[in-house]
PDB file of N, CA and C in Angstrom:
ATOM      1  N   MET A   1      22.422  33.841-203.830  1.00  0.00           N
ATOM      2  CA  MET A   1      22.025  34.495-202.586  1.00  0.00           C
ATOM      3  C   MET A   1      22.608  33.692-201.430  1.00  0.00           C
ATOM      4  N   GLY A   2      23.269  34.359-200.508  1.00  0.00           N
ATOM      5  CA  GLY A   2      23.874  33.703-199.358  1.00  0.00           C
ATOM      6  C   GLY A   2      22.831  33.267-198.342  1.00  0.00           C
ATOM      7  N   LYS A   3      23.264  32.441-197.409  1.00  0.00           N
ATOM      8  CA  LYS A   3      22.354  31.913-196.384  1.00  0.00           C
ATOM      9  C   LYS A   3      21.751  33.042-195.541  1.00  0.00           C
ATOM     10  N   ALA A   4      22.562  34.027-195.153  1.00  0.00           N
ATOM     11  CA  ALA A   4      22.055  35.135-194.327  1.00  0.00           C
ATOM     12  C   ALA A   4      20.998  35.932-195.082  1.00  0.00           C
ATOM     13  N   ALA A   5      21.241  36.194-196.355  1.00  0.00           N
ATOM     14  CA  ALA A   5      20.269  36.943-197.153  1.00  0.00           C
ATOM     15  C   ALA A   5      18.986  36.144-197.329  1.00  0.00           C
ATOM     16  N   LEU A   6      19.121  34.850-197.512  1.00  0.00           N
ATOM     17  CA  LEU A   6      17.949  33.996-197.653  1.00  0.00           C
ATOM     18  C   LEU A   6      17.128  33.995-196.372  1.00  0.00           C
ATOM     19  N   LEU A   7      17.792  33.913-195.223  1.00  0.00           N
ATOM     20  CA  LEU A   7      17.069  33.952-193.949  1.00  0.00           C
ATOM     21  C   LEU A   7      16.364  35.284-193.750  1.00  0.00           C
ATOM     22  N   ARG A   8      17.035  36.381-194.115  1.00  0.00           N
ATOM     23  CA  ARG A   8      16.404  37.693-193.975  1.00  0.00           C
ATOM     24  C   ARG A   8      15.160  37.779-194.842  1.00  0.00           C
ATOM     25  N   SER A   9      15.239  37.303-196.080  1.00  0.00           N
ATOM     26  CA  SER A   9      14.094  37.405-196.979  1.00  0.00           C
ATOM     27  C   SER A   9      12.953  36.505-196.517  1.00  0.00           C
ATOM     28  N   ALA A  10      13.263  35.380-195.896  1.00  0.00           N
ATOM     29  CA  ALA A  10      12.227  34.463-195.429  1.00  0.00           C
ATOM     30  C   ALA A  10      11.703  34.851-194.054  1.00  0.00           C
ATOM     31  N   ALA A  11      12.366  35.755-193.376  1.00  0.00           N
ATOM     32  CA  ALA A  11      11.992  36.099-192.007  1.00  0.00           C
ATOM     33  C   ALA A  11      10.729  36.939-191.942  1.00  0.00           C
ATOM     34  N   THR A  12      10.520  37.779-192.935  1.00  0.00           N
ATOM     35  CA  THR A  12       9.324  38.599-192.946  1.00  0.00           C
ATOM     36  C   THR A  12       8.404  38.116-194.042  1.00  0.00           C
ATOM     37  N   ILE A  13       7.139  38.086-193.741  1.00  0.00           N
ATOM     38  CA  ILE A  13       6.149  37.589-194.674  1.00  0.00           C
ATOM     39  C   ILE A  13       5.252  38.753-195.053  1.00  0.00           C
ATOM     40  N   PRO A  14       5.288  39.163-196.322  1.00  0.00           N
ATOM     41  CA  PRO A  14       4.421  40.268-196.721  1.00  0.00           C
ATOM     42  C   PRO A  14       2.955  39.839-196.660  1.00  0.00           C
ATOM     43  N   ALA A  15       2.113  40.767-196.306  1.00  0.00           N
ATOM     44  CA  ALA A  15       0.690  40.481-196.213  1.00  0.00           C
ATOM     45  C   ALA A  15      -0.072  41.640-196.840  1.00  0.00           C
ATOM     46  N   PRO A  16      -1.300  41.397-197.235  1.00  0.00           N
ATOM     47  CA  PRO A  16      -2.092  42.498-197.785  1.00  0.00           C
ATOM     48  C   PRO A  16      -2.229  43.627-196.767  1.00  0.00           C
ATOM     49  N   GLY A  17      -2.241  44.824-197.232  1.00  0.00           N
ATOM     50  CA  GLY A  17      -2.354  45.971-196.331  1.00  0.00           C
ATOM     51  C   GLY A  17      -1.001  46.362-195.774  1.00  0.00           C
ATOM     52  N   ASP A  18      -1.014  46.983-194.620  1.00  0.00           N
ATOM     53  CA  ASP A  18       0.206  47.516-194.027  1.00  0.00           C
ATOM     54  C   ASP A  18       0.858  46.569-193.023  1.00  0.00           C
ATOM     55  N   GLU A  19       0.243  45.446-192.727  1.00  0.00           N
ATOM     56  CA  GLU A  19       0.784  44.558-191.702  1.00  0.00           C
ATOM     57  C   GLU A  19       1.963  43.756-192.230  1.00  0.00           C
ATOM     58  N   GLU A  20       2.938  43.585-191.364  1.00  0.00           N
ATOM     59  CA  GLU A  20       4.085  42.753-191.676  1.00  0.00           C
ATOM     60  C   GLU A  20       4.166  41.662-190.621  1.00  0.00           C
ATOM     61  N   TYR A  21       4.463  40.447-191.049  1.00  0.00           N
ATOM     62  CA  TYR A  21       4.525  39.305-190.148  1.00  0.00           C
ATOM     63  C   TYR A  21       5.951  38.780-190.076  1.00  0.00           C
ATOM     64  N   LEU A  22       6.314  38.274-188.902  1.00  0.00           N
ATOM     65  CA  LEU A  22       7.624  37.678-188.681  1.00  0.00           C
ATOM     66  C   LEU A  22       7.457  36.197-188.383  1.00  0.00           C
ATOM     67  N   THR A  23       8.402  35.420-188.847  1.00  0.00           N
ATOM     68  CA  THR A  23       8.397  34.002-188.513  1.00  0.00           C
ATOM     69  C   THR A  23       8.866  33.830-187.070  1.00  0.00           C
ATOM     70  N   GLN A  24       8.639  32.644-186.543  1.00  0.00           N
ATOM     71  CA  GLN A  24       9.125  32.341-185.197  1.00  0.00           C
ATOM     72  C   GLN A  24      10.637  32.497-185.132  1.00  0.00           C
ATOM     73  N   ARG A  25      11.315  32.034-186.168  1.00  0.00           N
ATOM     74  CA  ARG A  25      12.781  32.133-186.211  1.00  0.00           C
ATOM     75  C   ARG A  25      13.229  33.603-186.186  1.00  0.00           C
ATOM     76  N   ALA A  26      12.519  34.467-186.901  1.00  0.00           N
ATOM     77  CA  ALA A  26      12.885  35.882-186.948  1.00  0.00           C
ATOM     78  C   ALA A  26      12.693  36.558-185.594  1.00  0.00           C
ATOM     79  N   VAL A  27      11.593  36.224-184.903  1.00  0.00           N
ATOM     80  CA  VAL A  27      11.353  36.801-183.577  1.00  0.00           C
ATOM     81  C   VAL A  27      12.404  36.303-182.593  1.00  0.00           C
ATOM     82  N   ALA A  28      12.717  35.019-182.658  1.00  0.00           N
ATOM     83  CA  ALA A  28      13.735  34.462-181.768  1.00  0.00           C
ATOM     84  C   ALA A  28      15.079  35.140-182.010  1.00  0.00           C
ATOM     85  N   ALA A  29      15.440  35.331-183.255  1.00  0.00           N
ATOM     86  CA  ALA A  29      16.715  35.980-183.573  1.00  0.00           C
ATOM     87  C   ALA A  29      16.718  37.446-183.137  1.00  0.00           C
ATOM     88  N   ARG A  30      15.599  38.112-183.303  1.00  0.00           N
ATOM     89  CA  ARG A  30      15.495  39.535-182.949  1.00  0.00           C
ATOM     90  C   ARG A  30      15.783  39.777-181.468  1.00  0.00           C
ATOM     91  N   PHE A  31      15.331  38.842-180.613  1.00  0.00           N
ATOM     92  CA  PHE A  31      15.493  39.015-179.172  1.00  0.00           C
ATOM     93  C   PHE A  31      16.523  38.061-178.569  1.00  0.00           C
ATOM     94  N   HIS A  32      17.286  37.379-179.411  1.00  0.00           N
ATOM     95  CA  HIS A  32      18.327  36.452-178.955  1.00  0.00           C
ATOM     96  C   HIS A  32      17.743  35.386-178.023  1.00  0.00           C
ATOM     97  N   LEU A  33      16.639  34.793-178.472  1.00  0.00           N
ATOM     98  CA  LEU A  33      15.962  33.733-177.734  1.00  0.00           C
ATOM     99  C   LEU A  33      15.997  32.456-178.558  1.00  0.00           C
ATOM    100  N   SER A  34      15.724  31.350-177.916  1.00  0.00           N
ATOM    101  CA  SER A  34      15.562  30.120-178.682  1.00  0.00           C
ATOM    102  C   SER A  34      14.114  30.048-179.170  1.00  0.00           C
ATOM    103  N   GLU A  35      13.920  29.314-180.253  1.00  0.00           N
ATOM    104  CA  GLU A  35      12.562  29.123-180.747  1.00  0.00           C
ATOM    105  C   GLU A  35      11.732  28.362-179.718  1.00  0.00           C
ATOM    106  N   ARG A  36      12.352  27.497-178.975  1.00  0.00           N
ATOM    107  CA  ARG A  36      11.657  26.735-177.934  1.00  0.00           C
ATOM    108  C   ARG A  36      11.107  27.653-176.845  1.00  0.00           C
ATOM    109  N   THR A  37      11.850  28.723-176.522  1.00  0.00           N
ATOM    110  CA  THR A  37      11.352  29.690-175.532  1.00  0.00           C
ATOM    111  C   THR A  37      10.061  30.321-176.030  1.00  0.00           C
ATOM    112  N   LEU A  38      10.010  30.702-177.297  1.00  0.00           N
ATOM    113  CA  LEU A  38       8.773  31.271-177.844  1.00  0.00           C
ATOM    114  C   LEU A  38       7.634  30.254-177.802  1.00  0.00           C
ATOM    115  N   GLU A  39       7.939  29.002-178.089  1.00  0.00           N
ATOM    116  CA  GLU A  39       6.916  27.959-178.016  1.00  0.00           C
ATOM    117  C   GLU A  39       6.373  27.835-176.591  1.00  0.00           C
ATOM    118  N   ARG A  40       7.272  27.861-175.631  1.00  0.00           N
ATOM    119  CA  ARG A  40       6.864  27.760-174.222  1.00  0.00           C
ATOM    120  C   ARG A  40       6.024  28.973-173.826  1.00  0.00           C
ATOM    121  N   TRP A  41       6.462  30.162-174.249  1.00  0.00           N
ATOM    122  CA  TRP A  41       5.718  31.382-173.927  1.00  0.00           C
ATOM    123  C   TRP A  41       4.325  31.393-174.549  1.00  0.00           C
ATOM    124  N   ARG A  42       4.166  30.761-175.712  1.00  0.00           N
ATOM    125  CA  ARG A  42       2.823  30.679-176.292  1.00  0.00           C
ATOM    126  C   ARG A  42       1.903  29.884-175.371  1.00  0.00           C
ATOM    127  N   GLY A  43       2.450  28.876-174.735  1.00  0.00           N
ATOM    128  CA  GLY A  43       1.655  28.070-173.809  1.00  0.00           C
ATOM    129  C   GLY A  43       1.331  28.787-172.512  1.00  0.00           C
ATOM    130  N   THR A  44       2.258  29.598-172.035  1.00  0.00           N
ATOM    131  CA  THR A  44       2.053  30.284-170.752  1.00  0.00           C
ATOM    132  C   THR A  44       1.445  31.671-170.907  1.00  0.00           C
ATOM    133  N   GLY A  45       1.461  32.206-172.126  1.00  0.00           N
ATOM    134  CA  GLY A  45       0.929  33.549-172.355  1.00  0.00           C
ATOM    135  C   GLY A  45       1.921  34.648-172.055  1.00  0.00           C
ATOM    136  N   ASP A  46       3.200  34.318-171.879  1.00  0.00           N
ATOM    137  CA  ASP A  46       4.203  35.319-171.532  1.00  0.00           C
ATOM    138  C   ASP A  46       4.782  36.049-172.740  1.00  0.00           C
ATOM    139  N   GLY A  47       4.673  35.494-173.920  1.00  0.00           N
ATOM    140  CA  GLY A  47       5.304  36.074-175.099  1.00  0.00           C
ATOM    141  C   GLY A  47       4.377  37.000-175.861  1.00  0.00           C
ATOM    142  N   PRO A  48       4.844  37.468-177.005  1.00  0.00           N
ATOM    143  CA  PRO A  48       4.005  38.343-177.839  1.00  0.00           C
ATOM    144  C   PRO A  48       2.820  37.574-178.424  1.00  0.00           C
ATOM    145  N   ALA A  49       1.790  38.312-178.777  1.00  0.00           N
ATOM    146  CA  ALA A  49       0.629  37.703-179.430  1.00  0.00           C
ATOM    147  C   ALA A  49       1.078  37.056-180.731  1.00  0.00           C
ATOM    148  N   PHE A  50       0.437  35.956-181.094  1.00  0.00           N
ATOM    149  CA  PHE A  50       0.821  35.227-182.301  1.00  0.00           C
ATOM    150  C   PHE A  50      -0.406  34.930-183.151  1.00  0.00           C
ATOM    151  N   VAL A  51      -0.148  34.565-184.390  1.00  0.00           N
ATOM    152  CA  VAL A  51      -1.211  34.215-185.331  1.00  0.00           C
ATOM    153  C   VAL A  51      -0.928  32.808-185.829  1.00  0.00           C
ATOM    154  N   ARG A  52      -1.892  31.930-185.696  1.00  0.00           N
ATOM    155  CA  ARG A  52      -1.754  30.572-186.236  1.00  0.00           C
ATOM    156  C   ARG A  52      -2.376  30.601-187.628  1.00  0.00           C
ATOM    157  N   ILE A  53      -1.538  30.430-188.648  1.00  0.00           N
ATOM    158  CA  ILE A  53      -2.037  30.479-190.021  1.00  0.00           C
ATOM    159  C   ILE A  53      -2.184  29.088-190.625  1.00  0.00           C
ATOM    160  N   GLY A  54      -1.923  28.081-189.848  1.00  0.00           N
ATOM    161  CA  GLY A  54      -2.072  26.695-190.285  1.00  0.00           C
ATOM    162  C   GLY A  54      -1.876  25.792-189.091  1.00  0.00           C
ATOM    163  N   PRO A  55      -2.085  24.508-189.255  1.00  0.00           N
ATOM    164  CA  PRO A  55      -1.959  23.598-188.118  1.00  0.00           C
ATOM    165  C   PRO A  55      -0.573  23.612-187.478  1.00  0.00           C
ATOM    166  N   ARG A  56       0.462  23.883-188.291  1.00  0.00           N
ATOM    167  CA  ARG A  56       1.829  23.886-187.758  1.00  0.00           C
ATOM    168  C   ARG A  56       2.580  25.164-188.110  1.00  0.00           C
ATOM    169  N   ARG A  57       1.868  26.225-188.409  1.00  0.00           N
ATOM    170  CA  ARG A  57       2.515  27.461-188.855  1.00  0.00           C
ATOM    171  C   ARG A  57       2.093  28.625-187.972  1.00  0.00           C
ATOM    172  N   ILE A  58       3.079  29.217-187.297  1.00  0.00           N
ATOM    173  CA  ILE A  58       2.855  30.352-186.405  1.00  0.00           C
ATOM    174  C   ILE A  58       3.628  31.540-186.959  1.00  0.00           C
ATOM    175  N   VAL A  59       3.000  32.707-186.963  1.00  0.00           N
ATOM    176  CA  VAL A  59       3.682  33.946-187.307  1.00  0.00           C
ATOM    177  C   VAL A  59       3.313  34.992-186.257  1.00  0.00           C
ATOM    178  N   TYR A  60       4.070  36.054-186.242  1.00  0.00           N
ATOM    179  CA  TYR A  60       3.855  37.149-185.295  1.00  0.00           C
ATOM    180  C   TYR A  60       3.726  38.451-186.072  1.00  0.00           C
ATOM    181  N   ARG A  61       2.722  39.261-185.741  1.00  0.00           N
ATOM    182  CA  ARG A  61       2.618  40.592-186.347  1.00  0.00           C
ATOM    183  C   ARG A  61       3.746  41.448-185.786  1.00  0.00           C
ATOM    184  N   LEU A  62       4.435  42.144-186.656  1.00  0.00           N
ATOM    185  CA  LEU A  62       5.536  43.007-186.227  1.00  0.00           C
ATOM    186  C   LEU A  62       5.047  44.013-185.192  1.00  0.00           C
ATOM    187  N   ALA A  63       3.880  44.586-185.406  1.00  0.00           N
ATOM    188  CA  ALA A  63       3.341  45.577-184.462  1.00  0.00           C
ATOM    189  C   ALA A  63       3.113  44.958-183.084  1.00  0.00           C
ATOM    190  N   ASP A  64       2.642  43.706-183.040  1.00  0.00           N
ATOM    191  CA  ASP A  64       2.420  43.030-181.751  1.00  0.00           C
ATOM    192  C   ASP A  64       3.739  42.758-181.037  1.00  0.00           C
ATOM    193  N   VAL A  65       4.745  42.363-181.796  1.00  0.00           N
ATOM    194  CA  VAL A  65       6.069  42.086-181.208  1.00  0.00           C
ATOM    195  C   VAL A  65       6.660  43.366-180.631  1.00  0.00           C
ATOM    196  N   GLU A  66       6.562  44.463-181.387  1.00  0.00           N
ATOM    197  CA  GLU A  66       7.106  45.735-180.900  1.00  0.00           C
ATOM    198  C   GLU A  66       6.342  46.234-179.678  1.00  0.00           C
ATOM    199  N   ALA A  67       5.023  46.068-179.658  1.00  0.00           N
ATOM    200  CA  ALA A  67       4.228  46.494-178.501  1.00  0.00           C
ATOM    201  C   ALA A  67       4.571  45.655-177.273  1.00  0.00           C
ATOM    202  N   TRP A  68       4.752  44.355-177.472  1.00  0.00           N
ATOM    203  CA  TRP A  68       5.130  43.461-176.377  1.00  0.00           C
ATOM    204  C   TRP A  68       6.469  43.890-175.784  1.00  0.00           C
ATOM    205  N   ALA A  69       7.442  44.197-176.641  1.00  0.00           N
ATOM    206  CA  ALA A  69       8.757  44.630-176.166  1.00  0.00           C
ATOM    207  C   ALA A  69       8.664  45.984-175.457  1.00  0.00           C
ATOM    208  N   ALA A  70       7.865  46.882-175.989  1.00  0.00           N
ATOM    209  CA  ALA A  70       7.721  48.218-175.381  1.00  0.00           C
ATOM    210  C   ALA A  70       7.104  48.115-173.983  1.00  0.00           C
ATOM    211  N   ALA A  71       6.186  47.176-173.809  1.00  0.00           N
ATOM    212  CA  ALA A  71       5.544  47.004-172.495  1.00  0.00           C
ATOM    213  C   ALA A  71       6.519  46.453-171.459  1.00  0.00           C
ATOM    214  N   ARG A  72       7.642  45.931-171.927  1.00  0.00           N
ATOM    215  CA  ARG A  72       8.649  45.370-171.021  1.00  0.00           C
ATOM    216  C   ARG A  72       9.929  46.199-170.999  1.00  0.00           C
ATOM    217  N   THR A  73       9.808  47.456-171.356  1.00  0.00           N
ATOM    218  CA  THR A  73      10.953  48.364-171.373  1.00  0.00           C
ATOM    219  C   THR A  73      10.905  49.256-170.134  1.00  0.00           C
ATOM    220  N   TYR A  74      12.001  49.281-169.402  1.00  0.00           N
ATOM    221  CA  TYR A  74      12.066  50.033-168.147  1.00  0.00           C
ATOM    222  C   TYR A  74      13.280  50.950-168.168  1.00  0.00           C
ATOM    223  N   ALA A  75      13.164  52.079-167.488  1.00  0.00           N
ATOM    224  CA  ALA A  75      14.290  53.018-167.396  1.00  0.00           C
ATOM    225  C   ALA A  75      15.387  52.464-166.492  1.00  0.00           C
ATOM    226  N   HIS A  76      14.971  51.680-165.487  1.00  0.00           N
ATOM    227  CA  HIS A  76      15.931  51.093-164.547  1.00  0.00           C
ATOM    228  C   HIS A  76      15.253  49.948-163.804  1.00  0.00           C
ATOM    229  N   ARG A  77      16.015  49.178-163.101  1.00  0.00           N
ATOM    230  CA  ARG A  77      15.510  47.986-162.402  1.00  0.00           C
ATOM    231  C   ARG A  77      14.443  48.342-161.369  1.00  0.00           C
ATOM    232  N   ALA A  78      14.593  49.464-160.701  1.00  0.00           N
ATOM    233  CA  ALA A  78      13.609  49.861-159.688  1.00  0.00           C
ATOM    234  C   ALA A  78      12.227  50.069-160.314  1.00  0.00           C
ATOM    235  N   ALA A  79      12.176  50.594-161.519  1.00  0.00           N
ATOM    236  CA  ALA A  79      10.894  50.787-162.196  1.00  0.00           C
ATOM    237  C   ALA A  79      10.239  49.441-162.508  1.00  0.00           C
ATOM    238  N   GLU A  80      11.043  48.467-162.898  1.00  0.00           N
ATOM    239  CA  GLU A  80      10.513  47.125-163.168  1.00  0.00           C
ATOM    240  C   GLU A  80       9.946  46.495-161.896  1.00  0.00           C
ATOM    241  N   ILE A  81      10.678  46.601-160.807  1.00  0.00           N
ATOM    242  CA  ILE A  81      10.231  46.034-159.531  1.00  0.00           C
ATOM    243  C   ILE A  81       8.954  46.720-159.060  1.00  0.00           C
ATOM    244  N   ALA A  82       8.882  48.042-159.196  1.00  0.00           N
ATOM    245  CA  ALA A  82       7.691  48.787-158.780  1.00  0.00           C
ATOM    246  C   ALA A  82       6.467  48.341-159.584  1.00  0.00           C
ATOM    247  N   GLN A  83       6.639  48.120-160.877  1.00  0.00           N
ATOM    248  CA  GLN A  83       5.523  47.668-161.697  1.00  0.00           C
ATOM    249  C   GLN A  83       5.081  46.269-161.312  1.00  0.00           C
ATOM    250  N   GLN A  84       6.028  45.398-160.998  1.00  0.00           N
ATOM    251  CA  GLN A  84       5.686  44.041-160.581  1.00  0.00           C
ATOM    252  C   GLN A  84       4.911  44.059-159.270  1.00  0.00           C
ATOM    253  N   ARG A  85       5.290  44.931-158.368  1.00  0.00           N
ATOM    254  CA  ARG A  85       4.581  45.024-157.064  1.00  0.00           C
ATOM    255  C   ARG A  85       3.165  45.539-157.260  1.00  0.00           C
ATOM    256  N   ARG A  86       3.004  46.497-158.184  1.00  0.00           N
ATOM    257  CA  ARG A  86       1.647  47.023-158.443  1.00  0.00           C
ATOM    258  C   ARG A  86       0.755  45.944-159.043  1.00  0.00           C
ATOM    259  N   ALA A  87       1.343  45.034-159.807  1.00  0.00           N
ATOM    260  CA  ALA A  87       0.569  43.977-160.467  1.00  0.00           C
ATOM    261  C   ALA A  87       0.125  42.896-159.468  1.00  0.00           C
ATOM    262  N   GLU A  88       0.795  42.780-158.358  1.00  0.00           N
ATOM    263  CA  GLU A  88       0.470  41.727-157.373  1.00  0.00           C
ATOM    264  C   GLU A  88      -0.754  42.037-156.586  1.00  0.00           C
TER     265      GLU A  88
END
């Protein structure tokens, strides 16, 4: 198995039921971010919701990641600015 295939298989963590979890590395790769950015966002609350499954293990529910991205999707820049003004 090649390195890319190994990363793909390790990127998603199967869980009981219908939920699928992504590793920090998988979320970072999905959005072309550094893992450090996700770490920083966990501290500031700017990133997607996360699940701490151990003292040093963080995963993200796929549904939470998709909802987070959908909440930041705009038709154009003016729509983004208008939403930011309403939030102030």
